Amino acid sequence: MKFKRIIVKLGTSTLTAGTPNISMPNLIELTRQIVHLHAEGRQLILVTSGAMAAGKEVLNFPELPKFIPAKQMLAAIGQPRLMTIYTQIFQMYGLVCAQILLTRDDLSDRRRYLNARNTLEALLTQGVIPIINENDSVATEEIRFGDNDNLSALVANLIEADLLILLTDQPGLFTQDPRKDSNAKLVRKVSSPDIPEELWAAAGETHSGLGTGGMITKLHAADLARRSGTAVVIARGNDPEILLQIANNKPVGTFFTPV
């Protein structure tokens, strides 16, 4: 299967390598792989988390605050820093990236939905790497996506992506939580029209304390994206050459067939 249009979703745990700070080695390595795929003629869209983590790092906060205004403050500080990092890295490879901040309203209103799609299509036509994040600094609870896993699945539907790659701190989806059960086995492929109930039950919450998602949100995102005709892979973000392996049909992570 040749994947032409690919969405890569980077979670906070991947961006920080499980530390309190943005991991530049991780970010540079993943960007290098995106550049490699772009050079092959593929179209890449990056959905990134990490704005609040970047803001926390700037202010040297010990942990993410629980109150929405404080989180929005950190997102407002961290988002331009995150985009500056991406811009500088892509510039090293001679590529231009663009920032797009979305809320749920942008994809639920027909006119704004079409405008977002047309903007993304124009950027891809020009060979630009769109970088998408939720507009955390202004979004209210009513118009938030809640996590970028869900956002990436909706973007996959928006631009009719061939493949959605959800990178996390786990090798993929397991039959049980591998942190609690040593007998847990990696699920290599999900091809049934409905994701089995036992896999929903096995999906756990986030343990890093850095992000807002977890395996359960990735499972919801995979279910949503595959129903719009997009193949999905959940895999570990710091595995060597992970994006290149997935894009070239190597059996890594958990693969969800489109339905």
Protein backbone atom coordinates (compact mmCIF):
# COMPACT_ATOMS: atom_id res chain seq x y z
CA MET A 1 0.00 0.00 0.00
CA LYS A 2 1.42 3.37 -1.06
CA PHE A 3 0.64 6.16 1.39
CA LYS A 4 0.67 9.52 -0.39
CA ARG A 5 -1.00 11.85 2.12
CA ILE A 6 0.14 11.27 5.71
CA ILE A 7 -0.77 12.90 9.00
CA VAL A 8 1.73 12.56 11.85
CA LYS A 9 0.45 13.27 15.34
CA LEU A 10 3.10 13.98 17.98
CA GLY A 11 2.01 13.78 21.61
CA THR A 12 3.60 15.61 24.50
CA SER A 13 5.29 12.45 25.79
CA THR A 14 7.00 12.02 22.42
CA LEU A 15 8.05 15.66 22.19
CA THR A 16 9.52 15.63 25.69
CA ALA A 17 10.83 12.02 25.70
CA GLY A 18 9.09 11.67 29.06
CA THR A 19 11.06 14.56 30.61
CA PRO A 20 9.77 17.94 31.82
CA ASN A 21 11.29 19.71 28.78
CA ILE A 22 11.00 19.63 25.00
CA SER A 23 13.51 17.06 23.67
CA MET A 24 15.40 18.68 20.81
CA PRO A 25 17.06 15.39 19.72
CA ASN A 26 13.64 13.73 19.47
CA LEU A 27 12.16 16.66 17.55
CA ILE A 28 15.08 16.93 15.13
CA GLU A 29 15.05 13.18 14.44
CA LEU A 30 11.31 13.07 13.74
CA THR A 31 11.56 16.19 11.57
CA ARG A 32 14.37 14.56 9.58
CA GLN A 33 12.10 11.62 8.82
CA ILE A 34 9.26 13.93 7.78
CA VAL A 35 11.67 15.73 5.43
CA HIS A 36 12.76 12.38 3.98
CA LEU A 37 9.16 11.39 3.22
CA HIS A 38 8.47 14.84 1.78
CA ALA A 39 11.44 14.40 -0.58
CA GLU A 40 9.83 11.17 -1.83
CA GLY A 41 6.87 13.22 -3.03
CA ARG A 42 4.55 12.50 -0.14
CA GLN A 43 2.37 15.14 1.49
CA LEU A 44 2.86 15.51 5.25
CA ILE A 45 0.74 17.26 7.85
CA LEU A 46 1.95 17.48 11.43
CA VAL A 47 -0.53 17.63 14.32
CA THR A 48 1.46 18.57 17.38
CA SER A 49 0.86 18.79 21.09
CA GLY A 50 3.34 20.41 23.47
CA ALA A 51 2.33 24.07 23.69
CA MET A 52 1.54 23.90 27.40
CA ALA A 53 4.67 21.86 28.08
CA ALA A 54 6.75 24.46 26.22
CA GLY A 55 5.13 27.25 28.21
CA LYS A 56 5.71 25.39 31.46
CA GLU A 57 9.37 25.04 30.55
CA VAL A 58 9.70 28.79 29.88
CA LEU A 59 8.20 29.68 33.26
CA ASN A 60 9.88 26.77 35.04
CA PHE A 61 6.56 25.49 36.40
CA PRO A 62 6.97 22.24 38.38
CA GLU A 63 3.77 20.73 36.91
CA LEU A 64 0.84 21.59 34.67
CA PRO A 65 -1.80 23.65 36.51
CA LYS A 66 -5.33 22.29 36.79
CA PHE A 67 -7.24 25.49 36.14
CA ILE A 68 -8.22 26.35 32.54
CA PRO A 69 -6.99 30.00 32.59
CA ALA A 70 -3.56 28.87 33.82
CA LYS A 71 -3.38 26.18 31.12
CA GLN A 72 -4.39 28.72 28.49
CA MET A 73 -1.71 31.08 29.76
CA LEU A 74 0.93 28.37 29.33
CA ALA A 75 -0.39 27.53 25.84
CA ALA A 76 -0.20 31.20 24.85
CA ILE A 77 3.43 31.34 25.99
CA GLY A 78 4.43 27.94 24.64
CA GLN A 79 2.77 27.94 21.21
CA PRO A 80 5.03 30.60 19.59
CA ARG A 81 8.10 28.95 21.15
CA LEU A 82 7.05 25.58 19.76
CA MET A 83 6.48 27.04 16.29
CA THR A 84 9.84 28.83 16.41
CA ILE A 85 11.54 25.50 17.10
CA TYR A 86 9.70 23.78 14.24
CA THR A 87 10.43 26.67 11.87
CA GLN A 88 14.15 26.62 12.65
CA ILE A 89 14.44 22.84 12.24
CA PHE A 90 12.54 22.71 8.94
CA GLN A 91 14.56 25.67 7.67
CA MET A 92 17.73 23.60 8.18
CA TYR A 93 16.35 21.24 5.55
CA GLY A 94 15.15 24.01 3.23
CA LEU A 95 11.45 23.51 3.96
CA VAL A 96 8.76 26.00 4.97
CA CYS A 97 6.18 25.17 7.64
CA ALA A 98 2.92 26.93 8.49
CA GLN A 99 0.90 27.19 11.69
CA ILE A 100 -2.82 26.41 11.81
CA LEU A 101 -4.71 26.66 15.11
CA LEU A 102 -8.17 25.09 15.21
CA THR A 103 -11.14 24.74 17.52
CA ARG A 104 -14.10 22.40 17.18
CA ASP A 105 -16.19 25.28 15.80
CA ASP A 106 -13.81 25.52 12.83
CA LEU A 107 -14.71 21.99 11.76
CA SER A 108 -18.39 21.99 12.73
CA ASP A 109 -19.34 25.10 10.73
CA ARG A 110 -19.59 24.26 7.01
CA ARG A 111 -18.05 27.50 5.72
CA ARG A 112 -15.12 27.37 8.15
CA TYR A 113 -14.68 23.64 7.46
CA LEU A 114 -14.30 24.31 3.74
CA ASN A 115 -11.99 27.25 4.40
CA ALA A 116 -9.73 25.08 6.60
CA ARG A 117 -9.65 22.37 3.94
CA ASN A 118 -8.88 24.83 1.15
CA THR A 119 -6.07 26.38 3.19
CA LEU A 120 -4.51 22.98 3.87
CA GLU A 121 -4.81 21.98 0.21
CA ALA A 122 -3.12 25.22 -0.87
CA LEU A 123 -0.25 24.68 1.58
CA LEU A 124 0.27 21.08 0.47
CA THR A 125 0.25 22.15 -3.18
CA GLN A 126 3.08 24.58 -2.42
CA GLY A 127 5.13 21.91 -0.67
CA VAL A 128 4.66 23.55 2.75
CA ILE A 129 4.43 21.45 5.95
CA PRO A 130 1.22 22.45 7.80
CA ILE A 131 1.60 22.23 11.58
CA ILE A 132 -1.73 21.99 13.38
CA ASN A 133 -2.55 22.40 17.04
CA GLU A 134 -5.70 23.07 19.01
CA ASN A 135 -6.17 26.76 19.75
CA ASP A 136 -5.78 26.13 23.48
CA SER A 137 -5.09 29.73 24.44
CA VAL A 138 -8.63 30.92 23.59
CA ALA A 139 -10.82 27.80 23.27
CA THR A 140 -13.58 27.36 25.84
CA GLU A 141 -14.65 23.93 27.06
CA GLU A 142 -17.62 23.95 24.68
CA ILE A 143 -15.49 24.31 21.55
CA ARG A 144 -12.39 22.30 22.53
CA PHE A 145 -11.44 19.02 20.89
CA GLY A 146 -10.10 17.89 24.26
CA ASP A 147 -7.03 16.20 22.82
CA ASN A 148 -4.98 16.29 19.64
CA ASP A 149 -5.61 12.61 18.93
CA ASN A 150 -9.23 13.46 18.20
CA LEU A 151 -8.16 16.55 16.26
CA SER A 152 -5.79 14.52 14.07
CA ALA A 153 -8.59 12.08 13.20
CA LEU A 154 -10.88 14.93 12.19
CA VAL A 155 -8.12 16.45 10.07
CA ALA A 156 -7.63 13.06 8.41
CA ASN A 157 -11.28 13.20 7.38
CA LEU A 158 -10.95 16.86 6.37
CA ILE A 159 -8.20 16.28 3.81
CA GLU A 160 -8.91 12.60 3.00
CA ALA A 161 -5.58 11.35 4.32
CA ASP A 162 -4.29 7.91 3.38
CA LEU A 163 -2.55 7.32 6.70
CA LEU A 164 -2.71 8.69 10.24
CA ILE A 165 0.30 7.95 12.47
CA LEU A 166 -0.33 8.38 16.20
CA LEU A 167 3.00 8.46 18.02
CA THR A 168 3.09 7.76 21.73
CA ASP A 169 5.37 6.40 24.47
CA GLN A 170 4.17 2.81 23.95
CA PRO A 171 4.99 0.38 21.09
CA GLY A 172 1.29 0.23 20.22
CA LEU A 173 -1.98 -1.11 21.57
CA PHE A 174 -1.73 -4.03 23.99
CA THR A 175 -4.21 -6.68 25.09
CA GLN A 176 -3.72 -5.41 28.65
CA ASP A 177 -1.94 -2.46 30.23
CA PRO A 178 1.75 -3.52 29.91
CA ARG A 179 2.64 -1.39 32.93
CA LYS A 180 0.45 -3.61 35.10
CA ASP A 181 0.40 -6.99 33.34
CA SER A 182 3.61 -8.67 32.17
CA ASN A 183 1.53 -11.03 30.01
CA ALA A 184 0.18 -8.18 27.90
CA LYS A 185 0.72 -8.74 24.17
CA LEU A 186 1.08 -6.17 21.42
CA VAL A 187 -1.86 -6.11 19.03
CA ARG A 188 -0.34 -6.06 15.55
CA LYS A 189 -3.46 -5.49 13.47
CA VAL A 190 -7.11 -4.53 13.91
CA SER A 191 -9.12 -5.34 10.81
CA SER A 192 -12.61 -6.03 12.16
CA PRO A 193 -15.22 -3.35 11.35
CA ASP A 194 -15.70 -2.70 15.06
CA ILE A 195 -12.77 -2.53 17.47
CA PRO A 196 -13.23 -5.48 19.89
CA GLU A 197 -14.61 -4.64 23.32
CA GLU A 198 -11.63 -6.24 25.08
CA LEU A 199 -9.30 -3.74 23.40
CA TRP A 200 -11.41 -0.83 24.58
CA ALA A 201 -11.27 -2.27 28.08
CA ALA A 202 -7.49 -2.70 27.89
CA ALA A 203 -6.79 0.88 26.79
CA GLY A 204 -5.53 2.85 29.80
CA GLU A 205 -5.19 6.51 30.70
CA THR A 206 -2.09 8.68 30.37
CA HIS A 207 0.65 8.00 32.93
CA SER A 208 3.17 10.69 31.96
CA GLY A 209 1.43 13.61 33.63
CA LEU A 210 2.48 15.75 30.68
CA GLY A 211 -0.30 15.32 28.14
CA THR A 212 -4.08 15.29 28.10
CA GLY A 213 -4.61 12.04 26.20
CA GLY A 214 -3.77 8.39 26.68
CA MET A 215 -4.25 5.12 24.82
CA ILE A 216 -8.03 5.38 25.12
CA THR A 217 -8.05 8.68 23.20
CA LYS A 218 -5.84 7.14 20.52
CA LEU A 219 -8.25 4.24 20.19
CA HIS A 220 -11.15 6.68 19.75
CA ALA A 221 -9.12 8.59 17.16
CA ALA A 222 -8.22 5.41 15.29
CA ASP A 223 -11.85 4.34 15.25
CA LEU A 224 -12.95 7.72 13.90
CA ALA A 225 -10.23 8.01 11.24
CA ARG A 226 -10.57 4.47 9.86
CA ARG A 227 -14.32 4.99 9.38
CA SER A 228 -13.49 7.83 6.99
CA GLY A 229 -11.20 5.59 4.94
CA THR A 230 -7.84 6.38 6.59
CA ALA A 231 -5.42 3.69 7.70
CA VAL A 232 -4.09 4.27 11.23
CA VAL A 233 -0.94 3.19 13.05
CA ILE A 234 -0.27 3.63 16.77
CA ALA A 235 3.45 3.32 17.51
CA ARG A 236 6.26 4.47 19.79
CA GLY A 237 7.65 7.83 18.76
CA ASN A 238 11.27 7.30 19.81
CA ASP A 239 11.80 4.00 17.96
CA PRO A 240 14.50 4.34 15.27
CA GLU A 241 13.23 5.38 11.82
CA ILE A 242 9.66 4.92 13.03
CA LEU A 243 7.97 7.19 10.47
CA LEU A 244 9.96 5.75 7.57
CA GLN A 245 9.13 2.21 8.65
CA ILE A 246 5.42 2.90 8.94
CA ALA A 247 5.20 4.84 5.67
CA ASN A 248 6.89 1.93 3.88
CA ASN A 249 4.55 -0.72 5.28
CA LYS A 250 6.92 -2.23 7.86
CA PRO A 251 5.05 -4.23 10.55
CA VAL A 252 5.57 -1.92 13.53
CA GLY A 253 3.08 -0.72 16.11
CA THR A 254 -0.63 -1.47 15.79
CA PHE A 255 -2.15 -1.14 12.32
CA PHE A 256 -5.86 -0.35 11.88
CA THR A 257 -7.30 -1.07 8.44
CA PRO A 258 -9.80 1.41 6.96
CA VAL A 259 -13.45 0.31 7.08
